[in-house]
Structure formats: C-alpha cells, structure tokens
Protein backbone atom coordinates (compact mmCIF):
# COMPACT_ATOMS: atom_id res chain seq x y z
CA MET A 1 115.66 92.18 81.25
CA LYS A 2 118.39 93.14 78.81
CA LYS A 3 121.55 91.40 79.84
CA THR A 4 124.68 89.76 78.52
CA ILE A 5 124.34 86.02 78.95
CA ALA A 6 127.54 83.98 79.09
CA ILE A 7 126.72 80.44 78.00
CA LEU A 8 129.00 77.68 79.24
CA GLY A 9 128.57 74.02 78.41
CA ALA A 10 129.53 71.37 80.96
CA PRO A 11 129.18 68.04 79.09
CA LEU A 12 129.72 65.85 82.13
CA ASP A 13 128.02 62.47 82.53
CA LEU A 14 130.41 60.88 85.03
CA GLY A 15 128.12 61.63 87.96
CA ALA A 16 125.09 59.86 86.49
CA GLY A 17 124.13 56.22 86.41
CA ARG A 18 123.00 56.37 82.77
CA ARG A 19 125.17 57.72 79.95
CA GLY A 20 124.07 60.42 77.54
CA VAL A 21 123.76 63.71 79.47
CA ASP A 22 127.16 64.71 78.10
CA MET A 23 125.20 65.51 74.92
CA GLY A 24 122.87 67.85 76.81
CA PRO A 25 124.72 71.09 75.95
CA SER A 26 124.64 70.18 72.25
CA ALA A 27 120.93 69.34 72.42
CA LEU A 28 120.17 72.72 73.99
CA ARG A 29 122.20 74.57 71.38
CA VAL A 30 120.55 72.55 68.58
CA ALA A 31 117.21 73.64 70.06
CA ASN A 32 118.23 77.19 69.01
CA LEU A 33 118.96 78.53 72.49
CA ASN A 34 121.35 81.27 71.41
CA ALA A 35 119.20 82.69 68.63
CA ARG A 36 116.07 82.59 70.75
CA LEU A 37 117.77 84.54 73.52
CA HIS A 38 118.89 87.09 70.94
CA SER A 39 115.27 87.40 69.82
CA ILE A 40 114.20 88.81 73.21
CA GLY A 41 116.99 91.36 73.30
CA CYS A 42 119.67 89.48 75.20
CA LYS A 43 123.29 89.71 74.16
CA VAL A 44 124.71 86.19 74.05
CA GLU A 45 128.33 85.15 74.37
CA ASP A 46 128.77 81.42 73.94
CA LEU A 47 132.01 80.53 75.70
CA GLY A 48 132.01 76.92 74.54
CA ASN A 49 132.42 73.94 76.85
CA VAL A 50 134.62 73.23 79.83
CA SER A 51 136.96 70.28 79.44
CA VAL A 52 135.58 66.97 80.71
CA GLU A 53 137.24 63.57 80.96
CA GLN A 54 135.52 60.66 79.29
CA ALA A 55 134.47 57.65 81.33
CA GLU A 56 136.48 55.36 79.05
CA SER A 57 139.70 57.19 79.93
CA SER A 58 138.98 57.86 83.60
CA ARG A 59 139.40 55.83 86.75
CA VAL A 60 136.15 55.03 88.52
CA GLY A 61 137.74 55.45 91.93
CA PRO A 62 135.84 54.68 95.14
CA ALA A 63 132.51 52.93 94.64
CA SER A 64 130.90 55.31 97.13
CA ALA A 65 131.68 58.35 94.94
CA ARG A 66 132.35 57.17 91.41
CA TYR A 67 134.67 59.27 89.19
CA LEU A 68 135.13 61.74 92.05
CA LYS A 69 138.56 62.99 90.95
CA ALA A 70 137.46 63.74 87.37
CA ILE A 71 134.21 65.34 88.50
CA ALA A 72 136.04 67.57 90.97
CA ALA A 73 138.45 68.70 88.25
CA THR A 74 135.57 69.66 85.96
CA CYS A 75 133.75 71.48 88.77
CA ASP A 76 136.89 73.41 89.68
CA ALA A 77 137.41 74.50 86.07
CA LEU A 78 133.74 75.42 85.69
CA ALA A 79 133.74 77.41 88.93
CA ARG A 80 136.61 79.57 87.77
CA ARG A 81 135.03 80.29 84.39
CA VAL A 82 131.69 81.11 86.00
CA GLU A 83 133.39 83.40 88.52
CA LYS A 84 135.23 85.19 85.72
CA ALA A 85 132.04 85.72 83.68
CA ALA A 86 130.15 87.03 86.70
CA GLY A 87 133.05 89.36 87.50
CA GLN A 88 132.68 90.84 84.01
CA GLY A 89 129.04 91.67 84.74
CA LYS A 90 127.61 88.79 82.69
CA PHE A 91 124.84 86.36 83.57
CA PRO A 92 126.33 82.82 83.62
CA LEU A 93 124.03 80.24 82.01
CA VAL A 94 125.50 76.75 82.36
CA LEU A 95 124.28 73.86 80.24
CA GLY A 96 124.63 70.37 81.70
CA GLY A 97 125.61 67.66 81.90
CA ASP A 98 124.54 65.86 85.05
CA HIS A 99 123.66 67.72 88.24
CA SER A 100 127.08 67.30 89.82
CA ILE A 101 128.16 70.32 87.76
CA ALA A 102 126.15 72.50 90.17
CA VAL A 103 129.08 72.24 92.59
CA GLY A 104 131.14 74.16 90.04
CA THR A 105 128.52 76.70 88.98
CA ILE A 106 127.39 77.61 92.49
CA SER A 107 130.91 77.62 93.96
CA GLY A 108 131.97 80.06 91.24
CA MET A 109 129.03 82.36 91.91
CA ALA A 110 129.52 82.12 95.67
CA GLN A 111 133.17 83.11 95.27
CA HIS A 112 132.17 86.04 93.07
CA PHE A 113 129.93 87.37 95.83
CA ARG A 114 132.35 86.52 98.67
CA LYS A 115 134.83 88.93 97.10
CA LYS A 116 132.22 91.61 97.66
CA GLN A 117 131.43 90.39 101.20
CA GLN A 118 128.04 89.24 99.91
CA LYS A 119 126.12 85.95 99.93
CA LEU A 120 124.33 83.86 97.32
CA GLY A 121 120.91 82.23 97.63
CA VAL A 122 119.93 79.08 95.73
CA ILE A 123 116.62 77.79 94.36
CA TRP A 124 116.90 74.16 93.29
CA LEU A 125 114.08 72.69 91.15
CA ASP A 126 114.31 68.91 91.10
CA ALA A 127 112.48 65.64 91.68
CA HIS A 128 115.30 64.67 94.07
CA THR A 129 117.01 66.42 96.97
CA ASP A 130 120.54 65.58 95.72
CA MET A 131 121.78 65.50 99.33
CA ASN A 132 123.29 62.04 99.54
CA THR A 133 126.84 61.63 100.78
CA PRO A 134 129.23 58.77 100.00
CA GLU A 135 128.09 57.19 103.25
CA THR A 136 124.37 57.32 102.41
CA SER A 137 124.31 56.92 98.63
CA PRO A 138 122.93 53.58 97.43
CA SER A 139 124.58 54.02 94.01
CA GLY A 140 127.74 56.08 94.51
CA ASN A 141 126.58 58.39 91.70
CA VAL A 142 127.82 61.89 92.47
CA HIS A 143 124.90 63.61 90.71
CA GLY A 144 122.90 62.62 93.80
CA MET A 145 125.30 64.53 96.10
CA PRO A 146 125.91 68.10 94.84
CA LEU A 147 123.60 70.02 97.16
CA ALA A 148 124.97 68.22 100.19
CA CYS A 149 128.47 69.18 99.05
CA LEU A 150 127.49 72.82 98.63
CA VAL A 151 126.21 73.04 102.20
CA GLY A 152 129.32 71.32 103.54
CA GLU A 153 128.51 67.59 103.61
CA GLY A 154 130.41 65.16 101.39
CA PRO A 155 133.86 64.46 99.95
CA ARG A 156 136.38 67.23 100.55
CA ALA A 157 137.25 67.38 96.84
CA LEU A 158 133.76 68.81 96.25
CA THR A 159 132.95 70.52 99.55
CA HIS A 160 136.03 72.77 99.59
CA LEU A 161 136.39 74.42 96.19
CA TYR A 162 138.37 77.64 96.74
CA GLY A 163 139.25 76.20 100.15
CA VAL A 164 135.87 77.32 101.53
CA SER A 165 133.00 75.31 103.02
CA PRO A 166 130.06 75.60 102.97
CA GLN A 167 129.69 77.49 99.70
CA VAL A 168 126.15 78.62 100.55
CA ASP A 169 124.25 79.05 103.80
CA PRO A 170 121.59 76.31 104.07
CA LYS A 171 119.07 78.84 105.37
CA ASN A 172 119.18 80.51 101.91
CA VAL A 173 118.72 77.26 99.97
CA VAL A 174 115.29 76.12 98.75
CA LEU A 175 114.37 72.79 97.16
CA ILE A 176 111.18 72.70 95.06
CA GLY A 177 109.35 69.78 93.44
CA ILE A 178 110.78 67.00 95.60
CA ARG A 179 109.07 63.63 95.29
CA ASP A 180 111.80 60.96 95.44
CA VAL A 181 114.20 60.82 98.40
CA ASP A 182 116.38 57.85 99.39
CA ILE A 183 115.61 56.52 102.88
CA THR A 184 119.23 56.95 103.98
CA GLU A 185 119.26 60.50 102.54
CA LYS A 186 116.27 61.79 104.50
CA PRO A 187 118.16 62.42 107.78
CA VAL A 188 120.79 64.45 105.89
CA VAL A 189 118.07 66.64 104.39
CA GLN A 190 116.18 67.01 107.64
CA LYS A 191 119.19 68.20 109.64
CA SER A 192 120.66 70.37 106.86
CA GLY A 193 118.60 73.52 107.41
CA VAL A 194 117.53 73.82 103.75
CA ARG A 195 113.86 74.55 103.06
CA VAL A 196 112.06 71.83 101.12
CA PHE A 197 108.81 72.19 99.16
CA THR A 198 107.60 68.80 98.00
CA MET A 199 105.13 68.23 95.19
CA ARG A 200 102.45 67.94 97.85
CA ASP A 201 103.19 71.54 98.87
CA ILE A 202 102.73 72.61 95.24
CA ASP A 203 99.52 70.57 94.98
CA GLU A 204 98.08 72.15 98.13
CA ARG A 205 99.38 75.72 97.89
CA GLY A 206 100.01 76.25 94.20
CA MET A 207 103.21 77.15 92.39
CA ARG A 208 102.75 80.91 92.85
CA ALA A 209 102.68 80.77 96.67
CA VAL A 210 105.57 78.31 96.81
CA MET A 211 107.77 80.39 94.50
CA GLN A 212 107.04 83.61 96.37
CA GLU A 213 108.05 82.06 99.69
CA ALA A 214 111.09 80.42 98.07
CA LEU A 215 112.27 83.78 96.78
CA GLN A 216 111.87 85.34 100.21
CA ILE A 217 114.00 82.61 101.76
CA ALA A 218 116.69 82.53 99.08
CA SER A 219 117.02 86.31 98.88
CA ALA A 220 117.00 87.09 102.62
CA GLY A 221 120.34 88.77 103.24
CA THR A 222 121.78 87.68 99.89
CA ALA A 223 122.92 89.66 96.86
CA GLY A 224 121.05 87.43 94.42
CA VAL A 225 119.67 84.01 93.65
CA HIS A 226 121.05 81.17 91.54
CA LEU A 227 118.56 78.85 89.82
CA SER A 228 119.50 75.19 89.45
CA LEU A 229 116.96 73.62 87.09
CA ASP A 230 116.99 69.84 86.82
CA MET A 231 114.70 68.85 83.97
CA ASP A 232 113.52 65.81 85.92
CA GLY A 233 111.62 68.25 88.11
CA VAL A 234 109.19 68.52 85.21
CA ASP A 235 106.76 65.64 84.76
CA PRO A 236 108.20 62.99 82.39
CA ASP A 237 105.11 63.35 80.17
CA GLU A 238 106.55 66.77 79.26
CA ALA A 239 110.27 66.04 79.69
CA PRO A 240 110.96 62.38 78.86
CA GLY A 241 114.66 62.81 78.08
CA VAL A 242 116.09 62.61 81.60
CA GLY A 243 118.04 59.86 83.31
CA THR A 244 115.96 59.55 86.49
CA PRO A 245 112.33 60.36 85.61
CA VAL A 246 109.76 60.41 88.41
CA ARG A 247 106.03 60.67 87.75
CA GLY A 248 104.03 63.54 89.23
CA GLY A 249 106.28 66.50 88.50
CA PHE A 250 105.67 70.08 87.39
CA SER A 251 103.15 70.54 84.62
CA TYR A 252 104.12 72.53 81.55
CA ARG A 253 102.44 75.67 82.87
CA GLU A 254 103.69 75.23 86.45
CA ALA A 255 107.25 75.09 85.14
CA HIS A 256 106.78 78.23 83.07
CA LEU A 257 105.10 80.06 85.94
CA ALA A 258 108.04 79.28 88.20
CA MET A 259 110.41 80.76 85.60
CA GLU A 260 108.22 83.83 85.06
CA ILE A 261 108.02 84.55 88.79
CA LEU A 262 111.80 84.26 89.08
CA SER A 263 112.21 86.62 86.16
CA ASP A 264 109.79 89.16 87.64
CA SER A 265 111.77 89.18 90.90
CA HIS A 266 114.88 90.61 89.14
CA LYS A 267 116.95 88.64 91.67
CA LEU A 268 118.34 85.94 89.37
CA THR A 269 122.11 86.22 89.00
CA SER A 270 122.87 82.90 87.29
CA MET A 271 121.27 79.68 86.13
CA GLU A 272 122.03 76.15 85.07
CA VAL A 273 119.95 73.57 83.21
CA VAL A 274 120.93 69.96 83.81
CA GLU A 275 120.10 66.32 83.13
CA VAL A 276 118.91 66.72 79.52
CA ASN A 277 119.65 63.30 78.01
CA PRO A 278 119.07 63.16 74.23
CA VAL A 279 119.68 59.39 74.21
CA LEU A 280 116.47 58.94 76.22
CA ASP A 281 114.50 61.72 74.52
CA THR A 282 111.99 61.88 71.67
CA ALA A 283 112.77 64.36 68.87
CA ASN A 284 114.70 66.60 71.31
CA ARG A 285 111.49 67.41 73.20
CA THR A 286 113.19 67.87 76.56
CA ALA A 287 115.84 70.24 75.22
CA LEU A 288 113.19 72.24 73.38
CA LEU A 289 111.20 72.60 76.61
CA ALA A 290 114.36 73.51 78.51
CA VAL A 291 115.02 76.32 76.05
CA GLU A 292 111.46 77.57 76.48
CA LEU A 293 111.95 77.62 80.25
CA VAL A 294 115.23 79.48 79.95
CA MET A 295 113.44 82.03 77.76
CA SER A 296 110.77 82.56 80.41
CA ALA A 297 113.42 82.94 83.12
CA MET A 298 115.23 85.50 80.97
CA GLY A 299 112.16 87.65 80.46
CA LYS A 300 110.07 86.31 77.59
CA ARG A 301 106.41 87.14 78.05
CA ILE A 302 103.17 86.17 76.35
CA LEU A 303 102.37 89.83 75.69
C-alpha cells in the first residue's frame, strides 16, 4: 500500500470534559509516526496543525453544547484542508484532539466524494456511540455528539458543514466496540439506522467476522471507507491515556487485527486517531500503541 499520507493535526480539547487531548498530535509525532510510516514505503507530508482556540480565550456558550462556536470553526477549517488533500490524491490522516474533530474530517471527505457524485462509508471504533445531541447529553461535551451530527442530528453549526446534511448515509455507518451508552442517547442510536457491534458481538463472533461484515456495510454503494479510531475503544490496560476509559475493550491483538483487515480491504480512503491524552498516560504508551495501529492500517505486516 504505497501512498502519500497527508498528516494533519487537530489539537482540539474543547469538546472533552478533561483537558489534555490537545497534546495528542504532539504525542503521536513524538512516538515517531512520520518516520515509521516512511519505513514501510509511505510518502509522508506533514501539513502541521489546524488552528484551534484555547479554552481560556473562548466563550463556553450554551451549557448543552459547550464551546460549540469554536469547535465548529475548527471543524470547518479541518474539513477544507482534508478535502484539499484528498483532492490532490493523498490519504488524509488526522491526529486528534477530541472526537468532535471527526465532524471536520468526515465532512471534508464526504464533500470530496460528493463532487464526484460518490458516497463515503464510515467505520467508527469506540467505547461510546458518540450520538448524543444537546437535548440528550448529560454533560454538554461535544465530543459525545459528532456521529449524531454527521448523520444529521444535532446543532446546525455542526450538522450543516458545506450547507449539506447529513454528511454520510447512516446505512453506511458502522460502530464497533460499543460498551458505554448514555440512557438518554440510546433512542437516538436505535432510530438512527447506523449498524452497531457491541463488545458482546466481538466476544461472541470474533473480531474477524465483525470487521468483515462492517466492511460490507460501510462499502456498499460507496467509493471508500473512512476509519475513525478512538483510542478508548482499546482496553485501558493497553491504552490508559484516554479521557473516558471503559473496561472491557479491544485487546492488543484484536485492535491490530481490525487494522490489518481494513488494510487488506484496500477500501480505506482516510483515517483519524483521537482522544490520546498524554496528561493521563504513562510514558506515552497510548500514543505508541496508536502509531502501531496506524502502521497496521497502512500496510505493515509481520512478514
């Protein structure tokens, strides 16, 4: 899989309840991401970071969607840079930041394909469904809302980037690894039309079967698949440096197998890695694992 990878940092922590994920892009770069991608034959263009407002200089805004205006501005800027990179034939790899940045990454990729009258599929690996809305969210933290926004539910500032909503068709969206859903969020997920594989599904069926079905769903009638990888999908024993850890996640090998199956499919068009929080980590373990997983998704093999 020789490709040009356009790396974009999105050091946003305004959507999270705990500070520190703004240092995620730096942690991933310190973990030697660029050089390691070079080592497997990828051409890497690091495009730096998108501009992000700091909490100290931003207005919190409505309690039901905290820092919405600043988050929307970052997502809009990120979307346009992702769209431009994809239009140049590059593979956008976005480094978060909290998961609210997915609104920008996926909107940019969706716009890229809309120009070609094509659609984008999404595979979302996460402990959470991220489908709250301002009306259902118990915290008002926007990083719990991005997937709802992408399928058309949520504040207009995030649901209508490029003036289009929804950005992706729910029938081509797959959630994997779910094990923590807010009670008020469940009805939103259930009526959304997205396909959900909980950790019980992985326990019973195995990661291989789940990933194969996920790829079929996400790629049906689409031009490619975007991978949104939240590091809290991995068990906190392996990835402690995340803001909202939940026990019982992917094992080390399950996470790698998921990446390897995605790589083998040759359907990945873009990727983001989010919620790496060095403040909560131990010796950058979570960023180091995230880099390993990116390597597997980009084609690294054991032999």
